[in-house]
Amino acid sequence: MKSMLLAAAALLLAGCTITKEPQVSEVNQTTGVVRLNFNEAMLQNARFDEYTTHGTATRQCQQMGYATAAAYGQPIRTCSVFSGSLCLNEKITLQYQCQGLALSQSATGY
């Protein structure tokens, strides 16, 4: 009976979904690439809001003189904490390519 309760508790914890807010981790103005990271602990199912994450990347691109950002590639998962051969924490990196040139108000004549 005890083992069944432990198994049920483990299944409930394994299905735990958490919404994370990725933070800017790397900006390369030359190539126009913005990378955002967040961590996912073992037994977590971390998600991120694509709309707010895209907004964060776009703001970073606009600070560099670009108009917008476009997500590219798949999220890159890298184990950041090991215990033996078990990964306890993964760092997830999202990549965005800055696109277009932002027009300043003085350049448009308005």
N, C-alpha and C. Protein backbone atom coordinates (compact mmCIF):
# COMPACT_ATOMS: atom_id res chain seq x y z
N MET A 1 0.82 -1.19 0.00
CA MET A 1 0.00 0.00 0.00
C MET A 1 0.87 1.26 0.00
N LYS A 2 1.94 1.22 0.83
CA LYS A 2 2.84 2.36 0.89
C LYS A 2 3.49 2.63 -0.46
N SER A 3 3.91 1.58 -1.12
CA SER A 3 4.58 1.75 -2.41
C SER A 3 3.63 2.32 -3.46
N MET A 4 2.36 1.97 -3.38
CA MET A 4 1.39 2.52 -4.32
C MET A 4 1.19 4.01 -4.08
N LEU A 5 1.17 4.42 -2.82
CA LEU A 5 1.03 5.85 -2.50
C LEU A 5 2.25 6.63 -2.96
N LEU A 6 3.44 6.05 -2.77
CA LEU A 6 4.66 6.71 -3.23
C LEU A 6 4.69 6.83 -4.74
N ALA A 7 4.26 5.80 -5.44
CA ALA A 7 4.22 5.83 -6.90
C ALA A 7 3.22 6.88 -7.38
N ALA A 8 2.08 6.97 -6.75
CA ALA A 8 1.08 7.97 -7.13
C ALA A 8 1.60 9.38 -6.87
N ALA A 9 2.28 9.59 -5.75
CA ALA A 9 2.84 10.90 -5.44
C ALA A 9 3.91 11.28 -6.46
N ALA A 10 4.73 10.32 -6.85
CA ALA A 10 5.78 10.58 -7.84
C ALA A 10 5.17 10.96 -9.18
N LEU A 11 4.10 10.30 -9.56
CA LEU A 11 3.43 10.63 -10.83
C LEU A 11 2.83 12.03 -10.80
N LEU A 12 2.26 12.40 -9.66
CA LEU A 12 1.69 13.73 -9.54
C LEU A 12 2.77 14.80 -9.62
N LEU A 13 3.90 14.57 -8.97
CA LEU A 13 5.00 15.53 -9.02
C LEU A 13 5.62 15.61 -10.40
N ALA A 14 5.69 14.50 -11.08
CA ALA A 14 6.29 14.46 -12.42
C ALA A 14 5.47 15.27 -13.41
N GLY A 15 4.19 15.39 -13.19
CA GLY A 15 3.32 16.13 -14.09
C GLY A 15 3.19 17.59 -13.73
N CYS A 16 3.99 18.08 -12.81
CA CYS A 16 3.90 19.46 -12.34
C CYS A 16 4.42 20.41 -13.42
N THR A 17 3.56 21.28 -13.93
CA THR A 17 3.94 22.23 -14.96
C THR A 17 4.10 23.61 -14.34
N ILE A 18 5.21 24.24 -14.65
CA ILE A 18 5.52 25.57 -14.12
C ILE A 18 5.80 26.50 -15.29
N THR A 19 5.25 27.71 -15.24
CA THR A 19 5.53 28.70 -16.27
C THR A 19 6.73 29.52 -15.85
N LYS A 20 7.73 29.56 -16.71
CA LYS A 20 8.97 30.30 -16.44
C LYS A 20 9.02 31.54 -17.33
N GLU A 21 9.77 32.52 -16.87
CA GLU A 21 9.99 33.72 -17.68
C GLU A 21 11.46 33.78 -18.07
N PRO A 22 11.78 33.43 -19.32
CA PRO A 22 13.18 33.43 -19.75
C PRO A 22 13.80 34.83 -19.64
N GLN A 23 15.07 34.86 -19.26
CA GLN A 23 15.82 36.11 -19.12
C GLN A 23 16.89 36.19 -20.21
N VAL A 24 17.20 37.40 -20.65
CA VAL A 24 18.24 37.60 -21.66
C VAL A 24 19.56 37.13 -21.08
N SER A 25 20.24 36.25 -21.79
CA SER A 25 21.53 35.73 -21.32
C SER A 25 22.69 36.13 -22.22
N GLU A 26 22.40 36.37 -23.49
CA GLU A 26 23.48 36.72 -24.42
C GLU A 26 22.90 37.55 -25.56
N VAL A 27 23.66 38.60 -25.92
CA VAL A 27 23.27 39.46 -27.04
C VAL A 27 24.50 39.64 -27.92
N ASN A 28 24.34 39.42 -29.22
CA ASN A 28 25.43 39.64 -30.16
C ASN A 28 24.96 40.63 -31.20
N GLN A 29 25.41 41.87 -31.06
CA GLN A 29 24.94 42.92 -31.95
C GLN A 29 25.42 42.71 -33.38
N THR A 30 26.59 42.14 -33.55
CA THR A 30 27.15 41.92 -34.89
C THR A 30 26.29 40.95 -35.70
N THR A 31 25.91 39.84 -35.08
CA THR A 31 25.10 38.85 -35.79
C THR A 31 23.60 39.06 -35.60
N GLY A 32 23.22 39.91 -34.66
CA GLY A 32 21.81 40.15 -34.38
C GLY A 32 21.11 38.98 -33.72
N VAL A 33 21.83 38.28 -32.84
CA VAL A 33 21.27 37.12 -32.16
C VAL A 33 21.05 37.46 -30.68
N VAL A 34 19.87 37.10 -30.19
CA VAL A 34 19.53 37.27 -28.77
C VAL A 34 19.20 35.88 -28.22
N ARG A 35 19.81 35.53 -27.09
CA ARG A 35 19.53 34.25 -26.45
C ARG A 35 18.91 34.51 -25.08
N LEU A 36 17.88 33.74 -24.77
CA LEU A 36 17.20 33.82 -23.48
C LEU A 36 17.28 32.46 -22.81
N ASN A 37 17.42 32.45 -21.49
CA ASN A 37 17.54 31.20 -20.73
C ASN A 37 16.52 31.10 -19.61
N PHE A 38 16.21 29.86 -19.26
CA PHE A 38 15.50 29.57 -18.01
C PHE A 38 15.91 28.17 -17.58
N ASN A 39 15.70 27.86 -16.30
CA ASN A 39 16.09 26.57 -15.75
C ASN A 39 14.87 25.68 -15.53
N GLU A 40 15.10 24.39 -15.66
CA GLU A 40 14.05 23.40 -15.42
C GLU A 40 14.64 22.32 -14.50
N ALA A 41 14.09 22.22 -13.30
CA ALA A 41 14.55 21.22 -12.34
C ALA A 41 13.99 19.85 -12.70
N MET A 42 14.66 18.82 -12.16
CA MET A 42 14.19 17.46 -12.38
C MET A 42 12.75 17.34 -11.87
N LEU A 43 11.95 16.59 -12.55
CA LEU A 43 10.53 16.36 -12.25
C LEU A 43 9.64 17.57 -12.54
N GLN A 44 10.21 18.63 -13.11
CA GLN A 44 9.39 19.77 -13.51
C GLN A 44 9.11 19.67 -15.00
N ASN A 45 8.02 20.28 -15.38
CA ASN A 45 7.68 20.41 -16.78
C ASN A 45 7.53 21.92 -17.01
N ALA A 46 8.65 22.58 -17.29
CA ALA A 46 8.65 24.03 -17.42
C ALA A 46 8.14 24.45 -18.79
N ARG A 47 7.34 25.49 -18.80
CA ARG A 47 6.81 26.08 -20.02
C ARG A 47 7.15 27.57 -19.99
N PHE A 48 7.04 28.23 -21.15
CA PHE A 48 7.21 29.67 -21.21
C PHE A 48 6.14 30.24 -22.12
N ASP A 49 5.76 31.48 -21.86
CA ASP A 49 4.76 32.16 -22.66
C ASP A 49 5.46 32.73 -23.90
N GLU A 50 5.12 32.22 -25.07
CA GLU A 50 5.80 32.63 -26.30
C GLU A 50 5.59 34.12 -26.60
N TYR A 51 4.43 34.65 -26.26
CA TYR A 51 4.14 36.06 -26.54
C TYR A 51 5.06 36.98 -25.73
N THR A 52 5.17 36.75 -24.43
CA THR A 52 6.01 37.61 -23.60
C THR A 52 7.49 37.39 -23.89
N THR A 53 7.88 36.16 -24.19
CA THR A 53 9.27 35.88 -24.52
C THR A 53 9.66 36.56 -25.82
N HIS A 54 8.77 36.52 -26.81
CA HIS A 54 9.03 37.21 -28.07
C HIS A 54 9.14 38.71 -27.84
N GLY A 55 8.30 39.25 -26.96
CA GLY A 55 8.37 40.68 -26.62
C GLY A 55 9.70 41.06 -25.98
N THR A 56 10.20 40.20 -25.09
CA THR A 56 11.49 40.45 -24.45
C THR A 56 12.60 40.48 -25.50
N ALA A 57 12.60 39.51 -26.41
CA ALA A 57 13.62 39.45 -27.45
C ALA A 57 13.50 40.65 -28.40
N THR A 58 12.28 41.03 -28.75
CA THR A 58 12.08 42.17 -29.65
C THR A 58 12.58 43.46 -29.01
N ARG A 59 12.30 43.67 -27.73
CA ARG A 59 12.80 44.86 -27.03
C ARG A 59 14.33 44.91 -27.06
N GLN A 60 14.96 43.76 -26.84
CA GLN A 60 16.41 43.70 -26.87
C GLN A 60 16.93 44.02 -28.27
N CYS A 61 16.27 43.51 -29.30
CA CYS A 61 16.66 43.81 -30.69
C CYS A 61 16.49 45.29 -30.99
N GLN A 62 15.41 45.88 -30.52
CA GLN A 62 15.16 47.30 -30.77
C GLN A 62 16.21 48.18 -30.11
N GLN A 63 16.73 47.75 -28.97
CA GLN A 63 17.81 48.50 -28.32
C GLN A 63 19.08 48.50 -29.16
N MET A 64 19.20 47.51 -30.05
CA MET A 64 20.37 47.41 -30.93
C MET A 64 20.10 48.03 -32.30
N GLY A 65 18.90 48.58 -32.52
CA GLY A 65 18.58 49.23 -33.78
C GLY A 65 17.83 48.38 -34.79
N TYR A 66 17.41 47.19 -34.38
CA TYR A 66 16.62 46.32 -35.27
C TYR A 66 15.13 46.56 -35.01
N ALA A 67 14.30 46.10 -35.93
CA ALA A 67 12.86 46.31 -35.82
C ALA A 67 12.17 45.25 -34.96
N THR A 68 12.53 43.99 -35.15
CA THR A 68 11.82 42.91 -34.46
C THR A 68 12.74 41.70 -34.29
N ALA A 69 12.18 40.67 -33.64
CA ALA A 69 12.93 39.42 -33.43
C ALA A 69 12.09 38.25 -33.94
N ALA A 70 12.77 37.24 -34.44
CA ALA A 70 12.11 36.02 -34.89
C ALA A 70 12.79 34.82 -34.25
N ALA A 71 11.98 33.95 -33.64
CA ALA A 71 12.54 32.74 -33.02
C ALA A 71 13.09 31.83 -34.10
N TYR A 72 14.20 31.17 -33.79
CA TYR A 72 14.72 30.19 -34.74
C TYR A 72 15.31 29.01 -34.00
N GLY A 73 15.28 27.86 -34.66
CA GLY A 73 15.82 26.65 -34.07
C GLY A 73 14.94 26.11 -32.95
N GLN A 74 15.35 24.99 -32.44
CA GLN A 74 14.68 24.37 -31.30
C GLN A 74 15.35 24.83 -30.01
N PRO A 75 14.62 24.80 -28.89
CA PRO A 75 15.26 25.11 -27.61
C PRO A 75 16.46 24.18 -27.37
N ILE A 76 17.53 24.75 -26.86
CA ILE A 76 18.74 23.99 -26.57
C ILE A 76 18.73 23.63 -25.09
N ARG A 77 18.77 22.34 -24.79
CA ARG A 77 18.72 21.85 -23.42
C ARG A 77 20.12 21.39 -23.01
N THR A 78 20.64 21.97 -21.93
CA THR A 78 21.98 21.65 -21.43
C THR A 78 21.88 21.34 -19.95
N CYS A 79 22.40 20.19 -19.55
CA CYS A 79 22.37 19.83 -18.13
C CYS A 79 23.34 20.73 -17.38
N SER A 80 22.86 21.39 -16.32
CA SER A 80 23.72 22.30 -15.57
C SER A 80 24.07 21.77 -14.18
N VAL A 81 23.35 20.76 -13.69
CA VAL A 81 23.65 20.17 -12.38
C VAL A 81 23.54 18.66 -12.50
N PHE A 82 24.64 17.97 -12.22
CA PHE A 82 24.68 16.51 -12.28
C PHE A 82 24.76 15.93 -10.88
N SER A 83 24.19 14.75 -10.73
CA SER A 83 24.39 13.92 -9.55
C SER A 83 24.66 12.52 -10.09
N GLY A 84 25.93 12.17 -10.19
CA GLY A 84 26.29 10.92 -10.85
C GLY A 84 25.96 11.04 -12.32
N SER A 85 25.13 10.14 -12.83
CA SER A 85 24.72 10.22 -14.23
C SER A 85 23.35 10.85 -14.39
N LEU A 86 22.77 11.31 -13.29
CA LEU A 86 21.43 11.90 -13.30
C LEU A 86 21.51 13.42 -13.43
N CYS A 87 20.71 13.98 -14.32
CA CYS A 87 20.66 15.43 -14.49
C CYS A 87 19.59 15.99 -13.54
N LEU A 88 20.02 16.87 -12.64
CA LEU A 88 19.09 17.46 -11.67
C LEU A 88 18.49 18.78 -12.13
N ASN A 89 19.18 19.47 -13.04
CA ASN A 89 18.71 20.76 -13.51
C ASN A 89 19.20 20.99 -14.94
N GLU A 90 18.28 21.42 -15.81
CA GLU A 90 18.63 21.73 -17.19
C GLU A 90 18.49 23.22 -17.44
N LYS A 91 19.43 23.77 -18.20
CA LYS A 91 19.32 25.16 -18.67
C LYS A 91 18.76 25.08 -20.08
N ILE A 92 17.71 25.83 -20.33
CA ILE A 92 17.06 25.82 -21.63
C ILE A 92 17.29 27.18 -22.28
N THR A 93 17.85 27.16 -23.49
CA THR A 93 18.20 28.38 -24.21
C THR A 93 17.30 28.52 -25.43
N LEU A 94 16.69 29.69 -25.56
CA LEU A 94 15.86 30.03 -26.71
C LEU A 94 16.62 31.06 -27.54
N GLN A 95 16.60 30.91 -28.85
CA GLN A 95 17.36 31.80 -29.72
C GLN A 95 16.43 32.62 -30.61
N TYR A 96 16.79 33.89 -30.77
CA TYR A 96 16.03 34.81 -31.61
C TYR A 96 16.99 35.54 -32.53
N GLN A 97 16.57 35.73 -33.78
CA GLN A 97 17.34 36.49 -34.76
C GLN A 97 16.67 37.84 -34.93
N CYS A 98 17.43 38.91 -34.75
CA CYS A 98 16.90 40.26 -34.96
C CYS A 98 16.76 40.50 -36.45
N GLN A 99 15.69 41.20 -36.83
CA GLN A 99 15.41 41.42 -38.24
C GLN A 99 14.99 42.86 -38.50
N GLY A 100 15.31 43.35 -39.69
CA GLY A 100 14.88 44.68 -40.12
C GLY A 100 15.60 45.78 -39.37
N LEU A 101 15.56 46.96 -39.93
CA LEU A 101 16.14 48.12 -39.28
C LEU A 101 15.03 48.99 -38.74
N ALA A 102 15.18 49.42 -37.51
CA ALA A 102 14.19 50.30 -36.91
C ALA A 102 14.35 51.70 -37.49
N LEU A 103 13.26 52.32 -37.84
CA LEU A 103 13.28 53.68 -38.36
C LEU A 103 13.04 54.65 -37.21
N SER A 104 13.91 55.63 -37.10
CA SER A 104 13.70 56.64 -36.06
C SER A 104 12.69 57.65 -36.57
N GLN A 105 12.07 58.40 -35.66
CA GLN A 105 11.07 59.39 -36.07
C GLN A 105 11.69 60.50 -36.91
N SER A 106 12.95 60.85 -36.64
CA SER A 106 13.59 61.90 -37.41
C SER A 106 13.83 61.46 -38.87
N ALA A 107 14.02 60.16 -39.08
CA ALA A 107 14.26 59.65 -40.43
C ALA A 107 12.98 59.61 -41.26
N THR A 108 11.83 59.49 -40.60
CA THR A 108 10.56 59.40 -41.33
C THR A 108 9.98 60.78 -41.63
N GLY A 109 10.47 61.82 -40.96
CA GLY A 109 9.98 63.16 -41.21
C GLY A 109 8.72 63.52 -40.45
N TYR A 110 8.30 62.72 -39.48
CA TYR A 110 7.09 63.04 -38.70
C TYR A 110 7.44 63.75 -37.44
